[in-house]
């Protein structure tokens, strides 16, 4: 009943005033003006997307709204009333923020996480039965009816922990929910579940701010979008008035035609040949070849075996059938070490788990694959290692204070550039990129694409796995499609389109 009443009240006030109004927000840090007079309105029962490159000011704006930052100038009103300063005032006013890194405690129960700091109590004693009952109500609203409130949170899979974070906002009677890259660590079916929850909360009258690098999510969920660039808003329209080209141009100040810098190139000889390759249980049968200077994209739905194919070629997974030839020579006793010696490099789809040592600095990460070449008399040359890292950082335009900066403090795009710097430091013959632009903003994506073309132009064979069809179609010279562990077709660039690729990827056959 309370939800229905709130939804009706929100709907009634929707025409009169916005649920949230931020006007002229300015925030400066030493040497940096993070926000330059940002203004936006959010209505009840509305999903507002905020999009922009890393560094555009999105996170600073959210922290101002949440009370973590105090603005230098500007006003924030909720239901027409000024919002007091501080995080507690924001929470009391119904503002909840879900960050990309979840703010939950794995060793506590689900209910304890939902009511952390505000557990129902009487005479100094916690009323767990009441907490569990209230937790069930909040969990049901996000589709977690079967999750026991007394369950240890860390025993839940990541996708359900993400929804527990949403339930936490509901349990606090949030009216404004901010979701910062909520799908970054989710699989496709989990993303669909999250979409359903967002739509349900919107229908109940909640105002939702949705921040995402994925434009397809913005068009799928949002009612309107605000574009931020260099700390300012440069566009605000209903989604019906935005196109993808408009959004990209507003975000990066250039048009979509220059976004994918593909160019025709002359190819050299075949440098990688794969014959009937298999690695049980997922990779069943893959045969293809790549020539020097060529960019080959690999498409397929989740579980089709794309990552397994790259890892098997590199030597990270065992070969159970077939063979791999590099420059005509068959690889035997295959391992990642052998792969590097034969001129193969592989960049993982999960840069934080498999791609980088986040606690180490840029210099250490770049040098990881080149330590033998940098050593003399059993000792790594510090001067050579420093120069290798500096050259790689300069070549890929890594934005950092120096090569001694800790890699985990860099943006996603700059972390990906460090990975590419390490990959190319070994002068590879074949560069295999698994989801090379996952989780980075559109500006950084465009830079990564330009580096891919540069690598191909220099004579490397580039093999790219991507779940983003526009990326595959925009950057590949030809596209291989995988279905249930096998390569089922090859499509030339001039014949590749979304419909054809999806048809093969979902059925294993053409139209």
Foldseek 3Di string as FASTA:
>chain_A
DVLQVLQVVLVVCQVVAAQKWWFQFWADDVVATLAGTAIDGWGWLFEEEEEFAVSLNPVVVLCCLQQVDPTPDIFMDGSNHTQDHHNVSSLLSQEAEQAQPGPADQQAFLLCRLQPPHADDDPPGGDVVVSQVLLCVLCVLLPNNPGRRRHRNNVDDPLSNLSSSVSSSVSSVHQEYEYAASCQPPAPVSVVSNLVSLNSSSSSTGTYYYYHQDVVVCLVRGQKYWYGGSNYTDDIDGSVPDDPQRNLCSRPVDGPVLLQVADDDDWAAWFKWWAQWAFPDFAGGETDIFTWLFEEEEEFGPSLCPQVVLCCQQAVTDTPDTWMGGPRHTDPPGHNLVSLVSQEDEADLDCPPPNADQQFFLLCSLCVNPQVVQDDPRRGDPVVSQVLSVVLCVVLVQDDPGSRDRLNVGAPLSNLSSSVSSSCSSVGQEYEYEQSCRPGHSVSSSSVSVVVSVNSNVTHTYYYYHHDVVNNLSRHQKYFYGERNYGLDIGGSVGDDDVQNVQCNPPVDGD
